[in-house]
Protein backbone atom coordinates (compact mmCIF):
# COMPACT_ATOMS: atom_id res chain seq x y z
CA UNK A 1 0.21 -0.03 -0.06
CA UNK A 2 1.10 3.93 -0.49
CA UNK A 3 1.50 5.43 2.39
CA UNK A 4 3.09 8.80 1.44
CA UNK A 5 0.26 11.16 1.84
CA UNK A 6 -0.27 10.23 5.55
CA UNK A 7 2.82 9.45 6.99
CA UNK A 8 5.14 11.36 8.68
CA UNK A 9 8.27 13.15 6.90
CA UNK A 10 11.40 11.37 7.09
CA UNK A 11 14.51 12.20 7.49
CA UNK A 12 15.43 12.20 3.75
CA UNK A 13 12.90 15.14 3.25
CA UNK A 14 12.94 16.58 6.47
CA UNK A 15 15.59 19.80 4.89
CA UNK A 16 13.62 20.77 2.45
CA UNK A 17 10.44 21.16 4.97
CA UNK A 18 11.99 23.01 7.57
CA UNK A 19 12.72 25.25 4.70
CA UNK A 20 9.31 25.82 4.23
CA UNK A 21 8.53 26.27 7.86
CA UNK A 22 11.48 28.75 8.97
CA UNK A 23 10.81 30.87 5.34
CA UNK A 24 6.52 31.46 5.79
CA UNK A 25 5.49 34.36 6.69
CA UNK A 26 2.53 32.59 8.24
CA UNK A 27 5.00 31.32 10.57
CA UNK A 28 7.20 34.00 11.71
CA UNK A 29 3.75 36.17 12.16
CA UNK A 30 2.97 33.70 14.64
CA UNK A 31 5.66 33.41 16.65
CA UNK A 32 5.97 37.46 16.02
CA UNK A 33 2.60 37.61 17.86
CA UNK A 34 2.73 35.64 20.51
CA UNK A 35 6.26 36.46 22.14
CA UNK A 36 6.46 40.12 20.46
CA UNK A 37 2.71 41.48 20.62
CA UNK A 38 3.87 44.76 22.14
CA UNK A 39 6.29 46.30 19.94
CA UNK A 40 5.80 48.84 17.58
CA UNK A 41 4.53 47.99 14.39
CA UNK A 42 6.69 49.59 12.60
CA UNK A 43 9.61 47.12 13.92
CA UNK A 44 7.42 44.41 12.83
CA UNK A 45 9.41 43.49 9.50
CA UNK A 46 12.24 43.69 11.79
CA UNK A 47 11.06 41.40 14.13
CA UNK A 48 10.33 38.95 11.89
CA UNK A 49 13.96 38.77 9.92
CA UNK A 50 15.37 38.20 13.51
CA UNK A 51 12.90 35.20 14.19
CA UNK A 52 13.83 34.05 10.39
CA UNK A 53 17.74 34.30 11.53
CA UNK A 54 16.80 32.70 15.02
CA UNK A 55 14.96 29.98 13.49
CA UNK A 56 17.63 29.03 11.10
CA UNK A 57 20.29 29.33 13.43
CA UNK A 58 18.27 26.97 15.96
CA UNK A 59 17.63 24.15 13.02
CA UNK A 60 20.98 24.23 11.37
CA UNK A 61 22.48 21.24 12.89
CA UNK A 62 19.27 19.19 12.82
CA UNK A 63 19.72 16.20 10.51
CA UNK A 64 17.04 13.83 11.96
CA UNK A 65 13.61 14.24 12.80
CA UNK A 66 13.99 13.08 16.03
CA UNK A 67 16.56 15.73 16.58
CA UNK A 68 13.65 18.36 15.23
CA UNK A 69 11.43 17.10 17.52
CA UNK A 70 13.58 16.98 20.41
CA UNK A 71 15.23 20.23 20.15
CA UNK A 72 12.60 22.54 18.55
CA UNK A 73 9.58 20.82 19.71
CA UNK A 74 9.96 19.44 23.08
CA UNK A 75 12.78 22.05 24.12
CA UNK A 76 11.59 24.84 22.94
CA UNK A 77 8.03 24.76 22.57
CA UNK A 78 6.41 21.88 24.96
CA UNK A 79 9.09 22.77 27.77
CA UNK A 80 8.21 26.45 27.26
CA UNK A 81 4.71 25.82 27.36
CA UNK A 82 4.48 23.22 30.72
CA UNK A 83 7.03 26.42 32.47
CA UNK A 84 4.32 28.99 31.21
CA UNK A 85 0.78 28.06 31.20
CA UNK A 86 0.89 25.64 34.04
CA UNK A 87 1.13 24.34 37.05
CA UNK A 88 3.07 21.08 36.11
CA UNK A 89 2.55 17.81 34.63
CA UNK A 90 2.53 14.41 36.37
CA UNK A 91 1.63 11.01 35.58
CA UNK A 92 1.04 7.39 36.64
CA UNK A 93 0.95 3.88 35.35
CA UNK A 94 3.65 4.28 32.95
CA UNK A 95 5.66 1.60 35.41
CA UNK A 96 3.23 -1.15 34.18
CA UNK A 97 4.62 -0.76 30.47
CA UNK A 98 7.33 -2.30 28.58
CA UNK A 99 9.64 0.04 27.17
CA UNK A 100 10.94 -2.53 24.84
CA UNK A 101 6.97 -2.59 23.31
CA UNK A 102 4.99 -0.63 21.24
CA UNK A 103 1.09 0.13 22.01
CA UNK A 104 -1.34 2.23 20.14
CA UNK A 105 -2.34 4.47 23.47
CA UNK A 106 -6.07 5.76 23.19
CA UNK A 107 -7.12 8.74 25.26
CA UNK A 108 -10.12 10.93 26.40
CA UNK A 109 -9.74 14.18 23.79
CA UNK A 110 -10.16 17.94 25.21
CA UNK A 111 -7.58 19.98 23.19
CA UNK A 112 -5.68 19.67 19.41
CA UNK A 113 -2.50 20.36 20.56
CA UNK A 114 -2.04 19.68 24.64
CA UNK A 115 -3.06 16.37 24.31
CA UNK A 116 -0.86 14.89 22.24
CA UNK A 117 1.98 17.19 23.32
CA UNK A 118 2.20 16.42 26.71
CA UNK A 119 1.20 12.87 25.79
CA UNK A 120 4.41 12.66 23.58
CA UNK A 121 6.64 14.82 26.07
CA UNK A 122 5.70 11.94 28.99
CA UNK A 123 6.42 9.03 27.18
CA UNK A 124 9.75 10.72 25.83
CA UNK A 125 11.37 11.79 28.92
CA UNK A 126 10.45 8.59 30.78
CA UNK A 127 11.93 6.49 27.66
CA UNK A 128 10.33 5.56 25.00
CA UNK A 129 10.71 6.54 21.31
CA UNK A 130 8.57 9.20 19.87
CA UNK A 131 4.85 7.83 19.20
CA UNK A 132 3.15 8.83 16.10
CA UNK A 133 0.20 11.08 16.71
CA UNK A 134 -3.47 10.70 14.51
CA UNK A 135 -4.30 14.02 12.95
CA UNK A 136 -7.95 14.56 11.15
CA UNK A 137 -7.21 16.22 7.48
CA UNK A 138 -9.98 18.90 8.94
CA UNK A 139 -6.73 20.73 10.33
CA UNK A 140 -4.76 20.69 7.25
CA UNK A 141 -5.92 23.92 6.54
CA UNK A 142 -2.92 24.82 4.15
CA UNK A 143 0.74 23.52 3.31
CA UNK A 144 2.49 24.77 5.99
CA UNK A 145 0.06 23.32 8.59
CA UNK A 146 0.75 19.88 7.30
CA UNK A 147 4.52 20.22 7.32
CA UNK A 148 4.36 21.09 10.71
CA UNK A 149 2.13 18.38 12.06
CA UNK A 150 4.11 15.74 9.58
CA UNK A 151 7.22 16.86 10.94
CA UNK A 152 6.50 16.00 14.43
CA UNK A 153 5.34 12.40 13.59
CA UNK A 154 1.35 13.17 12.69
CA UNK A 155 -0.19 10.64 10.88
CA UNK A 156 -2.80 12.30 8.52
CA UNK A 157 -6.52 10.78 9.08
CA UNK A 158 -8.93 10.93 5.87
CA UNK A 159 -12.37 11.90 7.05
CA UNK A 160 -15.90 13.16 4.97
CA UNK A 161 -14.91 10.87 2.12
CA UNK A 162 -17.53 9.43 -0.51
CA UNK A 163 -18.32 6.27 1.22
CA UNK A 164 -15.99 4.21 -1.01
CA UNK A 165 -12.87 6.46 -0.64
CA UNK A 166 -13.62 6.52 2.69
CA UNK A 167 -13.17 2.82 3.31
CA UNK A 168 -10.25 2.28 0.87
CA UNK A 169 -8.54 5.38 3.41
CA UNK A 170 -9.59 3.85 6.48
CA UNK A 171 -8.32 0.39 5.26
CA UNK A 172 -4.86 2.47 4.00
CA UNK A 173 -4.63 4.27 7.76
CA UNK A 174 -5.12 0.75 9.10
CA UNK A 175 -2.58 -1.32 7.64
CA UNK A 176 -0.37 1.61 8.00
CA UNK A 177 -0.49 1.54 11.97
CA UNK A 178 -0.83 -2.07 12.29
CA UNK A 179 3.03 -1.19 10.03
CA UNK A 180 4.24 1.16 13.09
CA UNK A 181 3.37 -1.36 15.64
CA UNK A 182 5.04 -3.60 14.18
CA UNK A 183 8.41 -1.53 12.92
CA UNK A 184 9.61 0.10 16.06
CA UNK A 185 7.12 2.70 16.96
CA UNK A 186 3.67 3.41 19.11
CA UNK A 187 0.74 5.46 18.02
CA UNK A 188 -1.50 8.16 19.67
CA UNK A 189 -5.40 7.98 18.56
CA UNK A 190 -8.09 10.02 20.52
CA UNK A 191 -10.86 7.89 21.34
CA UNK A 192 -13.58 9.93 18.95
CA UNK A 193 -13.51 12.16 16.26
CA UNK A 194 -13.70 16.04 17.91
CA UNK A 195 -12.99 17.34 21.32
CA UNK A 196 -15.15 16.07 24.49
CA UNK A 197 -16.37 19.54 24.90
CA UNK A 198 -18.83 18.72 27.54
CA UNK A 199 -16.43 16.51 29.43
CA UNK A 200 -18.28 13.42 28.64
CA UNK A 201 -15.40 11.20 27.36
CA UNK A 202 -17.00 7.97 25.34
CA UNK A 203 -14.85 6.05 23.13
CA UNK A 204 -16.41 5.70 19.45
CA UNK A 205 -16.31 1.90 18.66
CA UNK A 206 -15.22 3.28 15.24
CA UNK A 207 -12.24 3.98 15.67
CA UNK A 208 -11.49 0.42 17.37
CA UNK A 209 -12.93 -1.06 13.75
CA UNK A 210 -11.19 1.48 11.85
CA UNK A 211 -7.73 0.24 13.36
CA UNK A 212 -8.93 -3.42 13.16
CA UNK A 213 -9.87 -2.86 9.64
CA UNK A 214 -6.42 -4.36 7.70
CA UNK A 215 -6.74 -7.29 10.03
CA UNK A 216 -10.13 -8.51 10.48
CA UNK A 217 -9.25 -11.37 8.06
CA UNK A 218 -6.39 -12.65 9.27
CA UNK A 219 -7.38 -12.24 13.25
CA UNK A 220 -10.52 -12.42 15.45
CA UNK A 221 -10.78 -9.14 17.67
CA UNK A 222 -9.44 -10.39 20.68
CA UNK A 223 -6.23 -12.03 18.68
CA UNK A 224 -6.05 -8.36 17.00
CA UNK A 225 -5.11 -6.56 20.91
CA UNK A 226 -3.16 -9.23 22.19
CA UNK A 227 -0.89 -8.61 18.69
CA UNK A 228 -1.29 -4.38 18.83
CA UNK A 229 -2.00 -4.07 22.75
CA UNK A 230 -4.23 -1.10 23.40
CA UNK A 231 -3.15 1.58 26.12
CA UNK A 232 -6.27 3.80 27.61
CA UNK A 233 -4.84 6.73 28.59
CA UNK A 234 -6.99 9.79 30.77
CA UNK A 235 -5.96 13.36 30.28
CA UNK A 236 -7.08 15.98 32.98
CA UNK A 237 -6.97 19.46 33.08
CA UNK A 238 -7.37 21.19 36.39
CA UNK A 239 -8.67 24.27 34.19
CA UNK A 240 -9.51 23.60 30.13
CA UNK A 241 -7.91 26.86 27.98
CA UNK A 242 -10.95 26.85 25.82
CA UNK A 243 -13.57 25.70 28.33
CA UNK A 244 -15.56 29.51 27.95
CA UNK A 245 -15.42 29.32 23.68
CA UNK A 246 -16.49 25.12 24.16
CA UNK A 247 -19.61 26.70 25.79
CA UNK A 248 -20.62 29.06 23.96
CA UNK A 249 -20.08 26.40 20.95
CA UNK A 250 -22.77 24.22 23.01
CA UNK A 251 -25.17 27.17 23.82
CA UNK A 252 -25.14 28.42 20.22
CA UNK A 253 -26.09 24.57 19.24
CA UNK A 254 -28.99 24.32 22.18
CA UNK A 255 -30.27 27.57 21.19
CA UNK A 256 -29.91 28.13 17.99
CA UNK A 257 -29.95 24.11 16.61
CA UNK A 258 -25.99 24.58 15.35
CA UNK A 259 -22.95 26.08 16.18
CA UNK A 260 -21.48 27.33 12.75
CA UNK A 261 -17.41 26.97 12.55
CA UNK A 262 -15.79 30.26 11.43
CA UNK A 263 -13.16 29.90 9.21
CA UNK A 264 -9.68 28.57 11.00
CA UNK A 265 -11.47 28.19 13.71
CA UNK A 266 -9.73 25.08 14.87
CA UNK A 267 -6.50 27.16 14.02
CA UNK A 268 -7.67 29.57 16.51
CA UNK A 269 -8.58 27.25 19.35
CA UNK A 270 -5.25 25.42 18.97
CA UNK A 271 -3.50 28.81 19.37
CA UNK A 272 -5.54 29.75 22.57
CA UNK A 273 -5.43 26.49 23.97
CA UNK A 274 -1.43 26.70 23.43
CA UNK A 275 -1.35 30.25 25.45
CA UNK A 276 -4.19 29.44 27.80
CA UNK A 277 -3.46 28.48 31.59
CA UNK A 278 -4.17 24.65 32.28
CA UNK A 279 -3.45 24.86 35.81
CA UNK A 280 -2.42 21.04 36.72
CA UNK A 281 -2.41 18.71 34.21
CA UNK A 282 -2.41 14.46 34.78
CA UNK A 283 -2.31 11.80 32.20
CA UNK A 284 -3.04 8.09 33.70
CA UNK A 285 -1.54 5.10 31.34
CA UNK A 286 -3.82 2.11 31.90
CA UNK A 287 -1.98 -1.42 31.67
CA UNK A 288 -2.78 -2.93 28.39
CA UNK A 289 -6.62 -4.34 27.19
CA UNK A 290 -6.56 -8.02 28.07
CA UNK A 291 -8.84 -10.45 27.98
CA UNK A 292 -11.86 -11.66 25.39
CA UNK A 293 -14.06 -9.08 23.32
CA UNK A 294 -16.47 -10.23 21.36
CA UNK A 295 -16.62 -6.78 18.94
CA UNK A 296 -14.98 -3.07 19.05
CA UNK A 297 -18.50 -2.29 21.34
CA UNK A 298 -17.34 -3.90 24.24
CA UNK A 299 -13.53 -3.19 24.02
CA UNK A 300 -14.98 0.35 23.46
CA UNK A 301 -16.76 -0.14 26.94
CA UNK A 302 -13.82 -1.30 28.61
CA UNK A 303 -11.20 1.83 27.69
CA UNK A 304 -14.64 3.99 29.16
CA UNK A 305 -14.05 2.36 31.93
CA UNK A 306 -10.88 2.45 32.43
CA UNK A 307 -10.25 6.32 31.63
CA UNK A 308 -13.40 7.24 33.89
CA UNK A 309 -11.84 5.17 36.93
CA UNK A 310 -8.29 6.66 36.24
CA UNK A 311 -9.46 10.39 35.63
CA UNK A 312 -7.53 12.94 37.98
CA UNK A 313 -9.74 15.04 40.15
CA UNK A 314 -9.16 18.58 40.44
CA UNK A 315 -11.13 20.93 42.84
CA UNK A 316 -12.51 22.14 39.54
CA UNK A 317 -14.34 19.44 38.81
CA UNK A 318 -16.00 19.38 42.62
CA UNK A 319 -16.60 22.85 42.97
CA UNK A 320 -18.94 22.49 39.67
CA UNK A 321 -20.46 19.21 40.46
CA UNK A 322 -21.55 20.97 43.80
CA UNK A 323 -22.36 24.18 43.10
CA UNK A 324 -24.64 22.00 39.74
CA UNK A 325 -26.58 19.99 42.70
CA UNK A 326 -26.66 22.43 45.47
CA UNK A 327 -24.89 20.11 47.28
CA UNK A 328 -21.79 19.58 49.70
CA UNK A 329 -20.82 16.80 49.28
CA UNK A 330 -17.71 17.52 48.23
CA UNK A 331 -16.67 20.27 50.10
CA UNK A 332 -13.77 18.57 52.13
CA UNK A 333 -12.08 19.01 48.55
CA UNK A 334 -11.76 22.59 48.62
CA UNK A 335 -12.28 25.72 50.65
CA UNK A 336 -14.36 28.60 50.29
CA UNK A 337 -11.37 31.12 49.09
CA UNK A 338 -10.88 28.50 46.10
CA UNK A 339 -15.09 28.61 45.19
CA UNK A 340 -14.66 31.83 45.03
CA UNK A 341 -11.75 31.79 42.86
CA UNK A 342 -13.68 29.75 40.66
CA UNK A 343 -16.62 31.42 39.79
CA UNK A 344 -14.55 35.16 39.40
CA UNK A 345 -13.01 32.92 36.36
CA UNK A 346 -15.93 33.12 34.76
CA UNK A 347 -18.43 36.42 35.94
CA UNK A 348 -18.63 37.41 32.90
CA UNK A 349 -20.14 34.39 31.42
CA UNK A 350 -24.12 34.59 30.86
CA UNK A 351 -25.56 32.22 33.14
CA UNK A 352 -26.61 29.93 30.59
CA UNK A 353 -23.36 29.22 28.84
CA UNK A 354 -21.66 29.54 33.23
CA UNK A 355 -23.88 26.51 33.51
CA UNK A 356 -22.70 24.53 30.70
CA UNK A 357 -19.22 24.98 31.43
CA UNK A 358 -19.11 23.75 34.91
CA UNK A 359 -21.68 20.81 33.68
CA UNK A 360 -17.97 19.88 31.76
CA UNK A 361 -16.44 20.22 34.73
CA UNK A 362 -18.96 18.39 37.11
CA UNK A 363 -19.30 15.45 33.95
CA UNK A 364 -16.39 13.79 35.06
CA UNK A 365 -17.06 13.54 38.76
CA UNK A 366 -20.60 11.30 37.37
CA UNK A 367 -18.62 9.86 35.09
CA UNK A 368 -16.16 8.31 37.94
CA UNK A 369 -18.77 8.04 40.06
CA UNK A 370 -20.79 5.65 37.75
CA UNK A 371 -18.17 3.65 36.96
CA UNK A 372 -16.86 2.96 40.38
CA UNK A 373 -19.76 2.05 41.79
CA UNK A 374 -20.63 -0.33 38.83
CA UNK A 375 -17.49 -2.49 40.06
């Protein structure tokens, strides 16, 4: 099969790709806006020239894609992101995994960039090779975005094609993912298409069906997950930097029946998510799925169970749950000052949107309790 249009870039392709990235006007303007927004406009061209020279210097010794991910993506971008916009990232469960094995990591999905960025950083710093990351082609709004994603080990997931083409694209992607696992890398993919804006993390069995598609004639589903182990992962943010935007999106659907995306809305959200404050962040890695599964639906249920049971709940979750339910059930987990600080964050939101935002924080508490009680 031909994987050239969906696979990450190779070391051989990297020099040309990096050349395009550091010359791109959109990239130079983006870096300038992010780090030099207060500099008078008259100096914009000069600042962009300096940024170009800086980027040219930083990539001068980079020969491989792994070097690019380590020296640029992790050491500069992710490390600064963690330092400037979080209260720290913690993780649990990696001790139960084998550094010499490759896994399909399936996590809940809250942010387009942050989820895979924090996942890659955590796994790499623990000792795993860089995993490959699945991104929907809806994000490929132009060539430079595709370049950045594929240079960072991105796999392109084709969506919304005519039925016959979609089946072929899914079969090709499945074959590629299995090939990756067999040949020395792990993979991350979200449990569903699109972010869980309401805080209800639910695995779409279609994701598992797609991964299994190319092996369905060779292996039973149970045999498949024995050979290509699936690790459920829960990612929890104390504060979702896009909680207000998600709240408005849900509110518009509720009131008007739909939310029409603005042009480049996903890119705007990507940038806002990067800059916004996240508080504490925790990644919990479950043990690989094991046992017999009748089909993808049963496996999806098990993934949900593991994600909800291991989800790290913060004060923001407990406060929201108690506010919505007018209870004091969890008041031993926060103070009056914590509540005042939390409410102050949303004081400018209308009541309807604020309630939706609170629901997005409260739902993980409800999910956790439901799955714990079902033990």
